[in-house]
Amino acid sequence: MHMHLRVHRWVAWWAYVGVVCGAIAVVNMLGHDLTATQDRVLILLGAAHWILGGIVCWAFDGVKVEPAPTKPERAGEARNERLEREYHPASDFLLPGGRHSLLPWRH
């Protein structure tokens, strides 16, 4: 069964920021002589970022798993679906030249 994963743009940015900040934190922990308290603070900040991000994504439906759209069995069905969603601007309903409407005038 095929599934579609819909991810909002802000969720992707949240993940990118988390990965970049996590990489910076790891480099600082390994490259510098940080105290144990500073290490714990960095780890807690990273964990808080991911936990809060997960809660926000869940609350605002930032990530959705949907079933894959089914393909129409016949070509005529696809055309009918497209026509149902077809959009026409108001100017399509005016006759050229006299600006007379094709629709009856309402009093």
C-alpha atoms as a PDB file:
ATOM      1  CA  MET A   1       0.000   0.000   0.000  1.00  0.00           C
ATOM      2  CA  HIS A   2       1.389   3.402  -1.010  1.00  0.00           C
ATOM      3  CA  MET A   3       1.204   6.328   1.392  1.00  0.00           C
ATOM      4  CA  HIS A   4       1.865  10.037   0.953  1.00  0.00           C
ATOM      5  CA  LEU A   5       3.677  11.983   3.640  1.00  0.00           C
ATOM      6  CA  ARG A   6       2.628  15.648   3.706  1.00  0.00           C
ATOM      7  CA  VAL A   7       5.100  17.852   5.585  1.00  0.00           C
ATOM      8  CA  HIS A   8       4.545  21.582   6.090  1.00  0.00           C
ATOM      9  CA  ARG A   9       7.403  23.894   5.188  1.00  0.00           C
ATOM     10  CA  TRP A  10       7.825  25.144   8.762  1.00  0.00           C
ATOM     11  CA  VAL A  11       8.299  21.566   9.983  1.00  0.00           C
ATOM     12  CA  ALA A  12      11.177  21.080   7.547  1.00  0.00           C
ATOM     13  CA  TRP A  13      12.772  24.347   8.717  1.00  0.00           C
ATOM     14  CA  TRP A  14      12.373  23.262  12.344  1.00  0.00           C
ATOM     15  CA  ALA A  15      14.205  20.025  11.536  1.00  0.00           C
ATOM     16  CA  TYR A  16      16.991  21.834   9.623  1.00  0.00           C
ATOM     17  CA  VAL A  17      17.545  24.241  12.503  1.00  0.00           C
ATOM     18  CA  GLY A  18      17.655  21.311  14.939  1.00  0.00           C
ATOM     19  CA  VAL A  19      20.229  19.419  12.884  1.00  0.00           C
ATOM     20  CA  VAL A  20      22.459  22.482  12.420  1.00  0.00           C
ATOM     21  CA  CYS A  21      22.283  23.473  16.090  1.00  0.00           C
ATOM     22  CA  GLY A  22      22.888  19.854  17.111  1.00  0.00           C
ATOM     23  CA  ALA A  23      25.977  19.657  14.904  1.00  0.00           C
ATOM     24  CA  ILE A  24      27.302  22.886  16.413  1.00  0.00           C
ATOM     25  CA  ALA A  25      26.657  21.560  19.927  1.00  0.00           C
ATOM     26  CA  VAL A  26      28.453  18.274  19.195  1.00  0.00           C
ATOM     27  CA  VAL A  27      31.459  20.119  17.749  1.00  0.00           C
ATOM     28  CA  ASN A  28      31.583  22.332  20.849  1.00  0.00           C
ATOM     29  CA  MET A  29      31.306  19.358  23.195  1.00  0.00           C
ATOM     30  CA  LEU A  30      34.048  17.405  21.449  1.00  0.00           C
ATOM     31  CA  GLY A  31      36.335  20.263  20.466  1.00  0.00           C
ATOM     32  CA  HIS A  32      36.229  22.351  23.621  1.00  0.00           C
ATOM     33  CA  ASP A  33      36.842  21.414  27.206  1.00  0.00           C
ATOM     34  CA  LEU A  34      33.310  22.020  28.530  1.00  0.00           C
ATOM     35  CA  THR A  35      32.280  21.201  32.078  1.00  0.00           C
ATOM     36  CA  ALA A  36      29.790  18.454  32.799  1.00  0.00           C
ATOM     37  CA  THR A  37      27.131  21.058  33.615  1.00  0.00           C
ATOM     38  CA  GLN A  38      27.635  22.792  30.257  1.00  0.00           C
ATOM     39  CA  ASP A  39      27.377  19.441  28.460  1.00  0.00           C
ATOM     40  CA  ARG A  40      24.121  18.648  30.254  1.00  0.00           C
ATOM     41  CA  VAL A  41      22.686  22.074  29.427  1.00  0.00           C
ATOM     42  CA  LEU A  42      23.481  21.620  25.723  1.00  0.00           C
ATOM     43  CA  ILE A  43      21.923  18.151  25.712  1.00  0.00           C
ATOM     44  CA  LEU A  44      18.804  19.384  27.562  1.00  0.00           C
ATOM     45  CA  LEU A  45      18.387  22.304  25.132  1.00  0.00           C
ATOM     46  CA  GLY A  46      18.638  19.935  22.171  1.00  0.00           C
ATOM     47  CA  ALA A  47      16.161  17.500  23.700  1.00  0.00           C
ATOM     48  CA  ALA A  48      13.766  20.351  24.495  1.00  0.00           C
ATOM     49  CA  HIS A  49      13.984  21.573  20.895  1.00  0.00           C
ATOM     50  CA  TRP A  50      13.021  18.163  19.494  1.00  0.00           C
ATOM     51  CA  ILE A  51      10.339  17.412  22.110  1.00  0.00           C
ATOM     52  CA  LEU A  52       8.670  20.809  21.749  1.00  0.00           C
ATOM     53  CA  GLY A  53       8.934  20.533  17.968  1.00  0.00           C
ATOM     54  CA  GLY A  54       7.192  17.174  18.054  1.00  0.00           C
ATOM     55  CA  ILE A  55       4.409  18.505  20.260  1.00  0.00           C
ATOM     56  CA  VAL A  56       3.882  21.554  18.038  1.00  0.00           C
ATOM     57  CA  CYS A  57       3.865  19.410  14.873  1.00  0.00           C
ATOM     58  CA  TRP A  58       1.327  17.060  16.413  1.00  0.00           C
ATOM     59  CA  ALA A  59      -0.883  19.912  17.672  1.00  0.00           C
ATOM     60  CA  PHE A  60      -0.963  21.746  14.337  1.00  0.00           C
ATOM     61  CA  ASP A  61      -0.989  18.639  12.096  1.00  0.00           C
ATOM     62  CA  GLY A  62       2.374  19.593  10.651  1.00  0.00           C
ATOM     63  CA  VAL A  63       2.930  16.096   9.272  1.00  0.00           C
ATOM     64  CA  LYS A  64       0.114  14.051   7.743  1.00  0.00           C
ATOM     65  CA  VAL A  65       0.162  10.509   6.421  1.00  0.00           C
ATOM     66  CA  GLU A  66      -2.437  10.078   3.679  1.00  0.00           C
ATOM     67  CA  PRO A  67      -3.282   7.175   1.405  1.00  0.00           C
ATOM     68  CA  ALA A  68      -2.037   7.559  -2.149  1.00  0.00           C
ATOM     69  CA  PRO A  69      -4.618   9.013  -4.538  1.00  0.00           C
ATOM     70  CA  THR A  70      -6.273   6.379  -6.662  1.00  0.00           C
ATOM     71  CA  LYS A  71      -6.001   6.643 -10.415  1.00  0.00           C
ATOM     72  CA  PRO A  72      -9.303   6.860 -12.304  1.00  0.00           C
ATOM     73  CA  GLU A  73     -10.228   3.702 -14.146  1.00  0.00           C
ATOM     74  CA  ARG A  74     -11.207   5.515 -17.331  1.00  0.00           C
ATOM     75  CA  ALA A  75      -9.890   8.646 -18.995  1.00  0.00           C
ATOM     76  CA  GLY A  76     -13.387  10.183 -19.019  1.00  0.00           C
ATOM     77  CA  GLU A  77     -13.533  10.136 -15.222  1.00  0.00           C
ATOM     78  CA  ALA A  78     -10.337  12.182 -14.950  1.00  0.00           C
ATOM     79  CA  ARG A  79     -11.736  14.764 -17.378  1.00  0.00           C
ATOM     80  CA  ASN A  80     -14.999  14.990 -15.394  1.00  0.00           C
ATOM     81  CA  GLU A  81     -13.091  15.548 -12.150  1.00  0.00           C
ATOM     82  CA  ARG A  82     -11.042  18.293 -13.786  1.00  0.00           C
ATOM     83  CA  LEU A  83     -14.161  19.999 -15.158  1.00  0.00           C
ATOM     84  CA  GLU A  84     -15.826  19.993 -11.743  1.00  0.00           C
ATOM     85  CA  ARG A  85     -12.909  22.008 -10.349  1.00  0.00           C
ATOM     86  CA  GLU A  86     -12.579  24.268 -13.388  1.00  0.00           C
ATOM     87  CA  TYR A  87     -12.404  27.980 -12.617  1.00  0.00           C
ATOM     88  CA  HIS A  88     -13.706  30.844 -14.763  1.00  0.00           C
ATOM     89  CA  PRO A  89     -13.147  34.521 -14.002  1.00  0.00           C
ATOM     90  CA  ALA A  90     -16.141  36.838 -14.108  1.00  0.00           C
ATOM     91  CA  SER A  91     -14.962  38.362 -17.396  1.00  0.00           C
ATOM     92  CA  ASP A  92     -15.666  35.038 -19.147  1.00  0.00           C
ATOM     93  CA  PHE A  93     -19.369  35.736 -18.747  1.00  0.00           C
ATOM     94  CA  LEU A  94     -19.351  39.103 -20.564  1.00  0.00           C
ATOM     95  CA  LEU A  95     -19.999  39.511 -24.272  1.00  0.00           C
ATOM     96  CA  PRO A  96     -17.181  41.333 -26.032  1.00  0.00           C
ATOM     97  CA  GLY A  97     -17.825  44.923 -27.025  1.00  0.00           C
ATOM     98  CA  GLY A  98     -21.040  45.881 -25.280  1.00  0.00           C
ATOM     99  CA  ARG A  99     -20.222  44.523 -21.841  1.00  0.00           C
ATOM    100  CA  HIS A 100     -23.574  42.752 -21.826  1.00  0.00           C
ATOM    101  CA  SER A 101     -23.733  39.804 -19.508  1.00  0.00           C
ATOM    102  CA  LEU A 102     -24.688  36.343 -20.640  1.00  0.00           C
ATOM    103  CA  LEU A 103     -26.478  35.880 -17.336  1.00  0.00           C
ATOM    104  CA  PRO A 104     -29.822  37.590 -16.663  1.00  0.00           C
ATOM    105  CA  TRP A 105     -29.660  40.972 -14.976  1.00  0.00           C
ATOM    106  CA  ARG A 106     -30.881  41.016 -11.369  1.00  0.00           C
ATOM    107  CA  HIS A 107     -33.126  43.886 -10.270  1.00  0.00           C
END
